[in-house]
PDB file of N, CA and C in Angstrom:
ATOM      1  N   MET A   1      94.117 103.961  81.070  1.00  0.00           N
ATOM      2  CA  MET A   1      92.917 104.487  81.689  1.00  0.00           C
ATOM      3  C   MET A   1      92.771 105.934  81.263  1.00  0.00           C
ATOM      4  N   THR A   2      91.583 106.316  80.847  1.00  0.00           N
ATOM      5  CA  THR A   2      91.292 107.674  80.487  1.00  0.00           C
ATOM      6  C   THR A   2      90.817 108.417  81.719  1.00  0.00           C
ATOM      7  N   ALA A   3      91.453 109.534  81.983  1.00  0.00           N
ATOM      8  CA  ALA A   3      91.097 110.301  83.178  1.00  0.00           C
ATOM      9  C   ALA A   3      89.778 111.016  82.970  1.00  0.00           C
ATOM     10  N   ALA A   4      88.936 110.994  83.993  1.00  0.00           N
ATOM     11  CA  ALA A   4      87.636 111.651  83.938  1.00  0.00           C
ATOM     12  C   ALA A   4      87.730 113.095  84.406  1.00  0.00           C
ATOM     13  N   GLY A   5      88.881 113.522  84.811  1.00  0.00           N
ATOM     14  CA  GLY A   5      89.085 114.875  85.299  1.00  0.00           C
ATOM     15  C   GLY A   5      90.535 115.059  85.673  1.00  0.00           C
ATOM     16  N   PRO A   6      90.842 116.187  86.272  1.00  0.00           N
ATOM     17  CA  PRO A   6      92.236 116.398  86.673  1.00  0.00           C
ATOM     18  C   PRO A   6      92.656 115.387  87.727  1.00  0.00           C
ATOM     19  N   PRO A   7      93.946 115.136  87.834  1.00  0.00           N
ATOM     20  CA  PRO A   7      94.396 114.179  88.851  1.00  0.00           C
ATOM     21  C   PRO A   7      94.079 114.698  90.242  1.00  0.00           C
ATOM     22  N   PRO A   8      93.822 113.790  91.171  1.00  0.00           N
ATOM     23  CA  PRO A   8      93.546 114.236  92.538  1.00  0.00           C
ATOM     24  C   PRO A   8      94.778 114.895  93.144  1.00  0.00           C
ATOM     25  N   ARG A   9      94.541 115.925  93.911  1.00  0.00           N
ATOM     26  CA  ARG A   9      95.615 116.636  94.619  1.00  0.00           C
ATOM     27  C   ARG A   9      95.589 116.127  96.062  1.00  0.00           C
ATOM     28  N   VAL A  10      96.700 115.566  96.512  1.00  0.00           N
ATOM     29  CA  VAL A  10      96.786 114.955  97.827  1.00  0.00           C
ATOM     30  C   VAL A  10      97.868 115.669  98.637  1.00  0.00           C
ATOM     31  N   VAL A  11      97.499 116.152  99.814  1.00  0.00           N
ATOM     32  CA  VAL A  11      98.463 116.741 100.736  1.00  0.00           C
ATOM     33  C   VAL A  11      98.780 115.706 101.802  1.00  0.00           C
ATOM     34  N   LEU A  12     100.072 115.415 101.974  1.00  0.00           N
ATOM     35  CA  LEU A  12     100.509 114.462 102.986  1.00  0.00           C
ATOM     36  C   LEU A  12     101.116 115.214 104.160  1.00  0.00           C
ATOM     37  N   VAL A  13     100.687 114.842 105.367  1.00  0.00           N
ATOM     38  CA  VAL A  13     101.087 115.514 106.598  1.00  0.00           C
ATOM     39  C   VAL A  13     101.644 114.491 107.577  1.00  0.00           C
ATOM     40  N   GLU A  14     102.695 114.891 108.277  1.00  0.00           N
ATOM     41  CA  GLU A  14     103.199 114.097 109.389  1.00  0.00           C
ATOM     42  C   GLU A  14     103.016 114.941 110.644  1.00  0.00           C
ATOM     43  N   PRO A  15     102.260 114.454 111.622  1.00  0.00           N
ATOM     44  CA  PRO A  15     102.034 115.242 112.835  1.00  0.00           C
ATOM     45  C   PRO A  15     103.340 115.592 113.528  1.00  0.00           C
ATOM     46  N   GLY A  16     103.472 116.845 113.894  1.00  0.00           N
ATOM     47  CA  GLY A  16     104.664 117.283 114.596  1.00  0.00           C
ATOM     48  C   GLY A  16     104.618 116.945 116.063  1.00  0.00           C
ATOM     49  N   SER A  17     103.501 116.343 116.486  1.00  0.00           N
ATOM     50  CA  SER A  17     103.335 116.030 117.899  1.00  0.00           C
ATOM     51  C   SER A  17     103.815 114.642 118.266  1.00  0.00           C
ATOM     52  N   VAL A  18     104.476 113.981 117.345  1.00  0.00           N
ATOM     53  CA  VAL A  18     104.932 112.613 117.614  1.00  0.00           C
ATOM     54  C   VAL A  18     105.856 112.622 118.824  1.00  0.00           C
ATOM     55  N   THR A  19     105.490 111.866 119.841  1.00  0.00           N
ATOM     56  CA  THR A  19     106.297 111.824 121.059  1.00  0.00           C
ATOM     57  C   THR A  19     107.024 110.500 121.215  1.00  0.00           C
ATOM     58  N   GLU A  20     106.585 109.504 120.483  1.00  0.00           N
ATOM     59  CA  GLU A  20     107.266 108.213 120.547  1.00  0.00           C
ATOM     60  C   GLU A  20     107.604 107.788 119.129  1.00  0.00           C
ATOM     61  N   PRO A  21     108.804 107.246 118.918  1.00  0.00           N
ATOM     62  CA  PRO A  21     109.185 106.879 117.554  1.00  0.00           C
ATOM     63  C   PRO A  21     108.363 105.695 117.057  1.00  0.00           C
ATOM     64  N   PRO A  22     108.153 105.622 115.727  1.00  0.00           N
ATOM     65  CA  PRO A  22     107.449 104.460 115.192  1.00  0.00           C
ATOM     66  C   PRO A  22     108.212 103.189 115.529  1.00  0.00           C
ATOM     67  N   SER A  23     107.485 102.147 115.805  1.00  0.00           N
ATOM     68  CA  SER A  23     108.128 100.912 116.237  1.00  0.00           C
ATOM     69  C   SER A  23     108.661 100.077 115.079  1.00  0.00           C
ATOM     70  N   ILE A  24     108.136 100.269 113.879  1.00  0.00           N
ATOM     71  CA  ILE A  24     108.502  99.395 112.774  1.00  0.00           C
ATOM     72  C   ILE A  24     109.485 100.057 111.808  1.00  0.00           C
ATOM     73  N   GLU A  25     109.241 101.308 111.446  1.00  0.00           N
ATOM     74  CA  GLU A  25     110.044 101.955 110.426  1.00  0.00           C
ATOM     75  C   GLU A  25     110.472 103.343 110.893  1.00  0.00           C
ATOM     76  N   PRO A  26     111.549 103.879 110.312  1.00  0.00           N
ATOM     77  CA  PRO A  26     111.979 105.224 110.680  1.00  0.00           C
ATOM     78  C   PRO A  26     110.946 106.272 110.270  1.00  0.00           C
ATOM     79  N   PRO A  27     110.928 107.436 110.944  1.00  0.00           N
ATOM     80  CA  PRO A  27     109.979 108.487 110.599  1.00  0.00           C
ATOM     81  C   PRO A  27     110.077 108.847 109.118  1.00  0.00           C
ATOM     82  N   GLY A  28     108.930 109.058 108.496  1.00  0.00           N
ATOM     83  CA  GLY A  28     108.883 109.479 107.102  1.00  0.00           C
ATOM     84  C   GLY A  28     108.831 108.351 106.099  1.00  0.00           C
ATOM     85  N   THR A  29     109.181 107.139 106.470  1.00  0.00           N
ATOM     86  CA  THR A  29     109.251 106.031 105.524  1.00  0.00           C
ATOM     87  C   THR A  29     107.894 105.746 104.885  1.00  0.00           C
ATOM     88  N   VAL A  30     106.855 105.639 105.697  1.00  0.00           N
ATOM     89  CA  VAL A  30     105.518 105.361 105.172  1.00  0.00           C
ATOM     90  C   VAL A  30     105.054 106.512 104.281  1.00  0.00           C
ATOM     91  N   THR A  31     105.330 107.730 104.705  1.00  0.00           N
ATOM     92  CA  THR A  31     104.900 108.892 103.940  1.00  0.00           C
ATOM     93  C   THR A  31     105.598 108.947 102.590  1.00  0.00           C
ATOM     94  N   VAL A  32     106.883 108.691 102.559  1.00  0.00           N
ATOM     95  CA  VAL A  32     107.627 108.713 101.294  1.00  0.00           C
ATOM     96  C   VAL A  32     107.115 107.619 100.366  1.00  0.00           C
ATOM     97  N   ARG A  33     106.909 106.425 100.901  1.00  0.00           N
ATOM     98  CA  ARG A  33     106.398 105.317 100.094  1.00  0.00           C
ATOM     99  C   ARG A  33     105.003 105.648  99.559  1.00  0.00           C
ATOM    100  N   THR A  34     104.162 106.245 100.401  1.00  0.00           N
ATOM    101  CA  THR A  34     102.821 106.637  99.982  1.00  0.00           C
ATOM    102  C   THR A  34     102.894 107.699  98.894  1.00  0.00           C
ATOM    103  N   ALA A  35     103.743 108.708  99.083  1.00  0.00           N
ATOM    104  CA  ALA A  35     103.874 109.785  98.096  1.00  0.00           C
ATOM    105  C   ALA A  35     104.307 109.248  96.737  1.00  0.00           C
ATOM    106  N   ARG A  36     105.263 108.352  96.734  1.00  0.00           N
ATOM    107  CA  ARG A  36     105.738 107.776  95.465  1.00  0.00           C
ATOM    108  C   ARG A  36     104.645 106.969  94.776  1.00  0.00           C
ATOM    109  N   ALA A  37     103.936 106.158  95.543  1.00  0.00           N
ATOM    110  CA  ALA A  37     102.873 105.339  94.952  1.00  0.00           C
ATOM    111  C   ALA A  37     101.758 106.213  94.390  1.00  0.00           C
ATOM    112  N   LEU A  38     101.389 107.254  95.124  1.00  0.00           N
ATOM    113  CA  LEU A  38     100.349 108.156  94.635  1.00  0.00           C
ATOM    114  C   LEU A  38     100.798 108.878  93.367  1.00  0.00           C
ATOM    115  N   ARG A  39     102.034 109.343  93.372  1.00  0.00           N
ATOM    116  CA  ARG A  39     102.585 110.009  92.183  1.00  0.00           C
ATOM    117  C   ARG A  39     102.571 109.055  90.996  1.00  0.00           C
ATOM    118  N   ASP A  40     103.013 107.827  91.208  1.00  0.00           N
ATOM    119  CA  ASP A  40     103.055 106.842  90.127  1.00  0.00           C
ATOM    120  C   ASP A  40     101.660 106.509  89.611  1.00  0.00           C
ATOM    121  N   ALA A  41     100.650 106.663  90.473  1.00  0.00           N
ATOM    122  CA  ALA A  41      99.265 106.393  90.073  1.00  0.00           C
ATOM    123  C   ALA A  41      98.635 107.601  89.384  1.00  0.00           C
ATOM    124  N   GLY A  42      99.363 108.703  89.316  1.00  0.00           N
ATOM    125  CA  GLY A  42      98.850 109.865  88.603  1.00  0.00           C
ATOM    126  C   GLY A  42      98.347 110.985  89.487  1.00  0.00           C
ATOM    127  N   ALA A  43      98.454 110.851  90.788  1.00  0.00           N
ATOM    128  CA  ALA A  43      97.994 111.910  91.689  1.00  0.00           C
ATOM    129  C   ALA A  43      99.049 113.011  91.774  1.00  0.00           C
ATOM    130  N   GLU A  44      98.593 114.214  92.044  1.00  0.00           N
ATOM    131  CA  GLU A  44      99.488 115.326  92.335  1.00  0.00           C
ATOM    132  C   GLU A  44      99.700 115.309  93.850  1.00  0.00           C
ATOM    133  N   VAL A  45     100.940 115.196  94.293  1.00  0.00           N
ATOM    134  CA  VAL A  45     101.234 115.029  95.708  1.00  0.00           C
ATOM    135  C   VAL A  45     101.993 116.246  96.230  1.00  0.00           C
ATOM    136  N   VAL A  46     101.505 116.759  97.355  1.00  0.00           N
ATOM    137  CA  VAL A  46     102.180 117.845  98.062  1.00  0.00           C
ATOM    138  C   VAL A  46     102.555 117.310  99.435  1.00  0.00           C
ATOM    139  N   TYR A  47     103.859 117.266  99.710  1.00  0.00           N
ATOM    140  CA  TYR A  47     104.313 116.827 101.027  1.00  0.00           C
ATOM    141  C   TYR A  47     104.421 118.066 101.899  1.00  0.00           C
ATOM    142  N   ALA A  48     103.550 118.172 102.893  1.00  0.00           N
ATOM    143  CA  ALA A  48     103.518 119.344 103.764  1.00  0.00           C
ATOM    144  C   ALA A  48     104.533 119.240 104.894  1.00  0.00           C
ATOM    145  N   GLY A  49     105.052 118.045 105.139  1.00  0.00           N
ATOM    146  CA  GLY A  49     106.054 117.869 106.176  1.00  0.00           C
ATOM    147  C   GLY A  49     105.447 117.700 107.552  1.00  0.00           C
ATOM    148  N   TRP A  50     106.277 117.963 108.557  1.00  0.00           N
ATOM    149  CA  TRP A  50     105.867 117.821 109.953  1.00  0.00           C
ATOM    150  C   TRP A  50     105.132 119.088 110.355  1.00  0.00           C
ATOM    151  N   LEU A  51     103.877 118.967 110.692  1.00  0.00           N
ATOM    152  CA  LEU A  51     103.075 120.113 111.120  1.00  0.00           C
ATOM    153  C   LEU A  51     102.669 119.887 112.571  1.00  0.00           C
ATOM    154  N   PRO A  52     102.974 120.834 113.464  1.00  0.00           N
ATOM    155  CA  PRO A  52     102.800 120.605 114.895  1.00  0.00           C
ATOM    156  C   PRO A  52     101.378 120.750 115.422  1.00  0.00           C
ATOM    157  N   THR A  53     100.504 121.445 114.678  1.00  0.00           N
ATOM    158  CA  THR A  53      99.157 121.693 115.198  1.00  0.00           C
ATOM    159  C   THR A  53      98.108 121.486 114.116  1.00  0.00           C
ATOM    160  N   VAL A  54      96.888 121.299 114.560  1.00  0.00           N
ATOM    161  CA  VAL A  54      95.774 121.202 113.610  1.00  0.00           C
ATOM    162  C   VAL A  54      95.636 122.517 112.850  1.00  0.00           C
ATOM    163  N   ASP A  55      95.853 123.651 113.519  1.00  0.00           N
ATOM    164  CA  ASP A  55      95.785 124.949 112.837  1.00  0.00           C
ATOM    165  C   ASP A  55      96.790 125.027 111.688  1.00  0.00           C
ATOM    166  N   ALA A  56      97.976 124.478 111.886  1.00  0.00           N
ATOM    167  CA  ALA A  56      98.984 124.471 110.816  1.00  0.00           C
ATOM    168  C   ALA A  56      98.502 123.632 109.632  1.00  0.00           C
ATOM    169  N   VAL A  57      97.843 122.518 109.924  1.00  0.00           N
ATOM    170  CA  VAL A  57      97.289 121.688 108.851  1.00  0.00           C
ATOM    171  C   VAL A  57      96.187 122.451 108.124  1.00  0.00           C
ATOM    172  N   LEU A  58      95.313 123.114 108.871  1.00  0.00           N
ATOM    173  CA  LEU A  58      94.222 123.863 108.248  1.00  0.00           C
ATOM    174  C   LEU A  58      94.751 124.973 107.349  1.00  0.00           C
ATOM    175  N   ARG A  59      95.790 125.669 107.774  1.00  0.00           N
ATOM    176  CA  ARG A  59      96.386 126.716 106.932  1.00  0.00           C
ATOM    177  C   ARG A  59      96.969 126.107 105.654  1.00  0.00           C
ATOM    178  N   THR A  60      97.621 124.970 105.776  1.00  0.00           N
ATOM    179  CA  THR A  60      98.195 124.302 104.607  1.00  0.00           C
ATOM    180  C   THR A  60      97.102 123.856 103.650  1.00  0.00           C
ATOM    181  N   VAL A  61      96.039 123.291 104.184  1.00  0.00           N
ATOM    182  CA  VAL A  61      94.911 122.854 103.354  1.00  0.00           C
ATOM    183  C   VAL A  61      94.297 124.050 102.622  1.00  0.00           C
ATOM    184  N   GLU A  62      94.165 125.158 103.318  1.00  0.00           N
ATOM    185  CA  GLU A  62      93.615 126.362 102.687  1.00  0.00           C
ATOM    186  C   GLU A  62      94.507 126.828 101.535  1.00  0.00           C
ATOM    187  N   GLN A  63      95.810 126.771 101.715  1.00  0.00           N
ATOM    188  CA  GLN A  63      96.750 127.219 100.687  1.00  0.00           C
ATOM    189  C   GLN A  63      96.836 126.244  99.516  1.00  0.00           C
ATOM    190  N   GLU A  64      96.811 124.953  99.801  1.00  0.00           N
ATOM    191  CA  GLU A  64      97.046 123.945  98.768  1.00  0.00           C
ATOM    192  C   GLU A  64      95.784 123.461  98.065  1.00  0.00           C
ATOM    193  N   ASP A  65      94.616 123.624  98.679  1.00  0.00           N
ATOM    194  CA  ASP A  65      93.335 123.231  98.098  1.00  0.00           C
ATOM    195  C   ASP A  65      93.328 121.775  97.592  1.00  0.00           C
ATOM    196  N   PRO A  66      93.618 120.818  98.488  1.00  0.00           N
ATOM    197  CA  PRO A  66      93.681 119.424  98.059  1.00  0.00           C
ATOM    198  C   PRO A  66      92.298 118.778  97.959  1.00  0.00           C
ATOM    199  N   ASP A  67      92.262 117.624  97.291  1.00  0.00           N
ATOM    200  CA  ASP A  67      91.075 116.774  97.265  1.00  0.00           C
ATOM    201  C   ASP A  67      91.090 115.816  98.450  1.00  0.00           C
ATOM    202  N   VAL A  68      92.299 115.462  98.895  1.00  0.00           N
ATOM    203  CA  VAL A  68      92.487 114.487  99.966  1.00  0.00           C
ATOM    204  C   VAL A  68      93.645 114.948 100.844  1.00  0.00           C
ATOM    205  N   VAL A  69      93.525 114.707 102.154  1.00  0.00           N
ATOM    206  CA  VAL A  69      94.630 114.924 103.083  1.00  0.00           C
ATOM    207  C   VAL A  69      95.002 113.564 103.659  1.00  0.00           C
ATOM    208  N   GLY A  70      96.271 113.221 103.578  1.00  0.00           N
ATOM    209  CA  GLY A  70      96.767 111.984 104.166  1.00  0.00           C
ATOM    210  C   GLY A  70      97.609 112.309 105.385  1.00  0.00           C
ATOM    211  N   VAL A  71      97.336 111.648 106.499  1.00  0.00           N
ATOM    212  CA  VAL A  71      98.053 111.899 107.747  1.00  0.00           C
ATOM    213  C   VAL A  71      98.773 110.619 108.167  1.00  0.00           C
ATOM    214  N   THR A  72     100.068 110.738 108.410  1.00  0.00           N
ATOM    215  CA  THR A  72     100.850 109.602 108.886  1.00  0.00           C
ATOM    216  C   THR A  72     100.555 109.382 110.362  1.00  0.00           C
ATOM    217  N   VAL A  73     100.222 108.160 110.712  1.00  0.00           N
ATOM    218  CA  VAL A  73      99.945 107.810 112.102  1.00  0.00           C
ATOM    219  C   VAL A  73     101.025 106.850 112.568  1.00  0.00           C
ATOM    220  N   ALA A  74     101.899 107.352 113.465  1.00  0.00           N
ATOM    221  CA  ALA A  74     102.999 106.533 113.962  1.00  0.00           C
ATOM    222  C   ALA A  74     102.901 106.271 115.454  1.00  0.00           C
ATOM    223  N   ALA A  75     101.963 106.950 116.123  1.00  0.00           N
ATOM    224  CA  ALA A  75     101.819 106.795 117.574  1.00  0.00           C
ATOM    225  C   ALA A  75     100.363 107.060 117.939  1.00  0.00           C
ATOM    226  N   ASP A  76      99.987 106.683 119.148  1.00  0.00           N
ATOM    227  CA  ASP A  76      98.608 106.897 119.592  1.00  0.00           C
ATOM    228  C   ASP A  76      98.212 108.371 119.547  1.00  0.00           C
ATOM    229  N   ALA A  77      99.134 109.268 119.879  1.00  0.00           N
ATOM    230  CA  ALA A  77      98.838 110.698 119.840  1.00  0.00           C
ATOM    231  C   ALA A  77      98.474 111.146 118.424  1.00  0.00           C
ATOM    232  N   ASP A  78      99.037 110.466 117.423  1.00  0.00           N
ATOM    233  CA  ASP A  78      98.731 110.821 116.033  1.00  0.00           C
ATOM    234  C   ASP A  78      97.297 110.463 115.662  1.00  0.00           C
ATOM    235  N   ARG A  79      96.738 109.426 116.272  1.00  0.00           N
ATOM    236  CA  ARG A  79      95.337 109.060 116.005  1.00  0.00           C
ATOM    237  C   ARG A  79      94.406 110.167 116.478  1.00  0.00           C
ATOM    238  N   GLU A  80      94.708 110.751 117.621  1.00  0.00           N
ATOM    239  CA  GLU A  80      93.923 111.880 118.108  1.00  0.00           C
ATOM    240  C   GLU A  80      94.080 113.076 117.171  1.00  0.00           C
ATOM    241  N   PHE A  81      95.294 113.316 116.708  1.00  0.00           N
ATOM    242  CA  PHE A  81      95.569 114.396 115.754  1.00  0.00           C
ATOM    243  C   PHE A  81      94.741 114.190 114.487  1.00  0.00           C
ATOM    244  N   LEU A  82      94.732 112.960 113.974  1.00  0.00           N
ATOM    245  CA  LEU A  82      93.952 112.615 112.783  1.00  0.00           C
ATOM    246  C   LEU A  82      92.469 112.882 113.020  1.00  0.00           C
ATOM    247  N   ALA A  83      91.961 112.465 114.164  1.00  0.00           N
ATOM    248  CA  ALA A  83      90.536 112.675 114.480  1.00  0.00           C
ATOM    249  C   ALA A  83      90.209 114.168 114.549  1.00  0.00           C
ATOM    250  N   ARG A  84      91.109 114.962 115.100  1.00  0.00           N
ATOM    251  CA  ARG A  84      90.872 116.403 115.198  1.00  0.00           C
ATOM    252  C   ARG A  84      90.898 117.059 113.819  1.00  0.00           C
ATOM    253  N   ILE A  85      91.765 116.579 112.932  1.00  0.00           N
ATOM    254  CA  ILE A  85      91.798 117.110 111.570  1.00  0.00           C
ATOM    255  C   ILE A  85      90.503 116.758 110.847  1.00  0.00           C
ATOM    256  N   ARG A  86      90.052 115.509 110.984  1.00  0.00           N
ATOM    257  CA  ARG A  86      88.787 115.105 110.356  1.00  0.00           C
ATOM    258  C   ARG A  86      87.631 115.967 110.854  1.00  0.00           C
ATOM    259  N   ALA A  87      87.594 116.234 112.146  1.00  0.00           N
ATOM    260  CA  ALA A  87      86.515 117.050 112.713  1.00  0.00           C
ATOM    261  C   ALA A  87      86.580 118.488 112.191  1.00  0.00           C
ATOM    262  N   ALA A  88      87.781 118.987 111.964  1.00  0.00           N
ATOM    263  CA  ALA A  88      87.953 120.360 111.496  1.00  0.00           C
ATOM    264  C   ALA A  88      87.706 120.508 109.998  1.00  0.00           C
ATOM    265  N   LEU A  89      87.745 119.401 109.269  1.00  0.00           N
ATOM    266  CA  LEU A  89      87.575 119.428 107.811  1.00  0.00           C
ATOM    267  C   LEU A  89      86.474 118.459 107.381  1.00  0.00           C
ATOM    268  N   PRO A  90      85.237 118.681 107.821  1.00  0.00           N
ATOM    269  CA  PRO A  90      84.186 117.705 107.549  1.00  0.00           C
ATOM    270  C   PRO A  90      83.862 117.511 106.066  1.00  0.00           C
ATOM    271  N   GLY A  91      84.149 118.478 105.228  1.00  0.00           N
ATOM    272  CA  GLY A  91      83.828 118.345 103.806  1.00  0.00           C
ATOM    273  C   GLY A  91      84.968 117.804 102.971  1.00  0.00           C
ATOM    274  N   LEU A  92      86.061 117.417 103.617  1.00  0.00           N
ATOM    275  CA  LEU A  92      87.243 116.956 102.892  1.00  0.00           C
ATOM    276  C   LEU A  92      87.602 115.543 103.334  1.00  0.00           C
ATOM    277  N   VAL A  93      88.085 114.751 102.413  1.00  0.00           N
ATOM    278  CA  VAL A  93      88.502 113.396 102.737  1.00  0.00           C
ATOM    279  C   VAL A  93      89.853 113.467 103.450  1.00  0.00           C
ATOM    280  N   VAL A  94      89.911 112.924 104.666  1.00  0.00           N
ATOM    281  CA  VAL A  94      91.133 112.894 105.467  1.00  0.00           C
ATOM    282  C   VAL A  94      91.392 111.432 105.819  1.00  0.00           C
ATOM    283  N   LEU A  95      92.526 110.912 105.361  1.00  0.00           N
ATOM    284  CA  LEU A  95      92.825 109.500 105.505  1.00  0.00           C
ATOM    285  C   LEU A  95      94.158 109.281 106.199  1.00  0.00           C
ATOM    286  N   GLU A  96      94.289 108.132 106.836  1.00  0.00           N
ATOM    287  CA  GLU A  96      95.576 107.714 107.397  1.00  0.00           C
ATOM    288  C   GLU A  96      96.435 107.201 106.256  1.00  0.00           C
ATOM    289  N   THR A  97      97.702 107.632 106.187  1.00  0.00           N
ATOM    290  CA  THR A  97      98.563 107.170 105.102  1.00  0.00           C
ATOM    291  C   THR A  97      98.944 105.718 105.307  1.00  0.00           C
ATOM    292  N   GLY A  98      99.336 105.084 104.233  1.00  0.00           N
ATOM    293  CA  GLY A  98      99.729 103.686 104.266  1.00  0.00           C
ATOM    294  C   GLY A  98      99.272 102.992 103.004  1.00  0.00           C
ATOM    295  N   PRO A  99      99.533 101.702 102.904  1.00  0.00           N
ATOM    296  CA  PRO A  99      99.211 100.974 101.677  1.00  0.00           C
ATOM    297  C   PRO A  99      97.738 101.032 101.295  1.00  0.00           C
ATOM    298  N   GLU A 100      96.828 100.947 102.262  1.00  0.00           N
ATOM    299  CA  GLU A 100      95.404 100.951 101.941  1.00  0.00           C
ATOM    300  C   GLU A 100      94.997 102.290 101.324  1.00  0.00           C
ATOM    301  N   VAL A 101      95.515 103.374 101.871  1.00  0.00           N
ATOM    302  CA  VAL A 101      95.201 104.701 101.343  1.00  0.00           C
ATOM    303  C   VAL A 101      95.754 104.835  99.935  1.00  0.00           C
ATOM    304  N   THR A 102      96.980 104.385  99.743  1.00  0.00           N
ATOM    305  CA  THR A 102      97.598 104.465  98.422  1.00  0.00           C
ATOM    306  C   THR A 102      96.749 103.712  97.406  1.00  0.00           C
ATOM    307  N   ASP A 103      96.316 102.511  97.758  1.00  0.00           N
ATOM    308  CA  ASP A 103      95.488 101.718  96.843  1.00  0.00           C
ATOM    309  C   ASP A 103      94.172 102.415  96.541  1.00  0.00           C
ATOM    310  N   ARG A 104      93.530 102.964  97.581  1.00  0.00           N
ATOM    311  CA  ARG A 104      92.228 103.615  97.384  1.00  0.00           C
ATOM    312  C   ARG A 104      92.348 104.851  96.491  1.00  0.00           C
ATOM    313  N   VAL A 105      93.359 105.682  96.733  1.00  0.00           N
ATOM    314  CA  VAL A 105      93.524 106.887  95.921  1.00  0.00           C
ATOM    315  C   VAL A 105      93.948 106.507  94.512  1.00  0.00           C
ATOM    316  N   ALA A 106      94.805 105.510  94.377  1.00  0.00           N
ATOM    317  CA  ALA A 106      95.241 105.071  93.057  1.00  0.00           C
ATOM    318  C   ALA A 106      94.066 104.573  92.223  1.00  0.00           C
ATOM    319  N   ARG A 107      93.110 103.886  92.840  1.00  0.00           N
ATOM    320  CA  ARG A 107      91.957 103.356  92.108  1.00  0.00           C
ATOM    321  C   ARG A 107      91.102 104.459  91.521  1.00  0.00           C
ATOM    322  N   VAL A 108      91.076 105.608  92.178  1.00  0.00           N
ATOM    323  CA  VAL A 108      90.207 106.678  91.692  1.00  0.00           C
ATOM    324  C   VAL A 108      90.994 107.860  91.138  1.00  0.00           C
ATOM    325  N   ALA A 109      92.307 107.676  90.913  1.00  0.00           N
ATOM    326  CA  ALA A 109      93.122 108.765  90.373  1.00  0.00           C
ATOM    327  C   ALA A 109      92.490 109.285  89.082  1.00  0.00           C
ATOM    328  N   GLY A 110      92.298 110.560  89.046  1.00  0.00           N
ATOM    329  CA  GLY A 110      91.709 111.176  87.873  1.00  0.00           C
ATOM    330  C   GLY A 110      90.199 111.172  87.868  1.00  0.00           C
ATOM    331  N   HIS A 111      89.574 110.601  88.883  1.00  0.00           N
ATOM    332  CA  HIS A 111      88.125 110.568  88.961  1.00  0.00           C
ATOM    333  C   HIS A 111      87.647 111.507  90.054  1.00  0.00           C
ATOM    334  N   SER A 112      86.377 111.687  90.139  1.00  0.00           N
ATOM    335  CA  SER A 112      85.782 112.612  91.089  1.00  0.00           C
ATOM    336  C   SER A 112      86.094 112.229  92.534  1.00  0.00           C
ATOM    337  N   PRO A 113      86.585 113.200  93.332  1.00  0.00           N
ATOM    338  CA  PRO A 113      86.834 112.912  94.744  1.00  0.00           C
ATOM    339  C   PRO A 113      85.572 112.530  95.510  1.00  0.00           C
ATOM    340  N   SER A 114      84.409 112.757  94.941  1.00  0.00           N
ATOM    341  CA  SER A 114      83.176 112.377  95.632  1.00  0.00           C
ATOM    342  C   SER A 114      83.086 110.865  95.790  1.00  0.00           C
ATOM    343  N   ARG A 115      83.892 110.106  95.041  1.00  0.00           N
ATOM    344  CA  ARG A 115      83.902 108.650  95.181  1.00  0.00           C
ATOM    345  C   ARG A 115      84.716 108.216  96.384  1.00  0.00           C
ATOM    346  N   TRP A 116      85.449 109.137  96.994  1.00  0.00           N
ATOM    347  CA  TRP A 116      86.250 108.816  98.159  1.00  0.00           C
ATOM    348  C   TRP A 116      85.425 109.101  99.399  1.00  0.00           C
ATOM    349  N   SER A 117      85.846 108.555 100.494  1.00  0.00           N
ATOM    350  CA  SER A 117      85.170 108.856 101.743  1.00  0.00           C
ATOM    351  C   SER A 117      86.137 108.652 102.892  1.00  0.00           C
ATOM    352  N   ASN A 118      85.737 109.054 104.072  1.00  0.00           N
ATOM    353  CA  ASN A 118      86.551 108.814 105.259  1.00  0.00           C
ATOM    354  C   ASN A 118      86.341 107.418 105.802  1.00  0.00           C
ATOM    355  N   ASP A 119      85.434 106.657 105.190  1.00  0.00           N
ATOM    356  CA  ASP A 119      85.200 105.274 105.589  1.00  0.00           C
ATOM    357  C   ASP A 119      86.422 104.449 105.195  1.00  0.00           C
ATOM    358  N   PRO A 120      87.066 103.763 106.136  1.00  0.00           N
ATOM    359  CA  PRO A 120      88.299 103.044 105.822  1.00  0.00           C
ATOM    360  C   PRO A 120      88.134 101.845 104.908  1.00  0.00           C
ATOM    361  N   ARG A 121      86.909 101.445 104.580  1.00  0.00           N
ATOM    362  CA  ARG A 121      86.742 100.283 103.691  1.00  0.00           C
ATOM    363  C   ARG A 121      86.929 100.634 102.252  1.00  0.00           C
TER     364      ARG A 121
END
C-alpha cells in the first residue's frame, strides 16, 4: 500500500480513575495489544500511560499533537472519562481502544485523519 501521507500519530491513554479491575484481562493488556497492532499497521504510537484526569490527557494531547486518541475502557467510570475527553476535544478523533479501533486505524494508516470519526461504525 502506498501511503497518502505521514502515518497517523495515535496517543493511547489508560484512565487513572479505574476503581474496579477489568473483569476479563489484566490492566494494560488491551492497550498493549492495540499499540502493537497499530504499530504493525504503520501508525506512530505514543503510550501516554495512566492519566488520572481529563486535564492530564489534554496536556498530553497538546504536547504530542496526535491524529487520534485511544482510551482504554475497563470500567463504567472509564466510559464517563472517555465521554469527557471527547467533549473536551471536539476536533479530534477520540476512540475506545480494542480490536475495532485497531482495525479502523489500520485501514486508514497513512491516509488523511479526516476519514476517521468518533462514530463507532
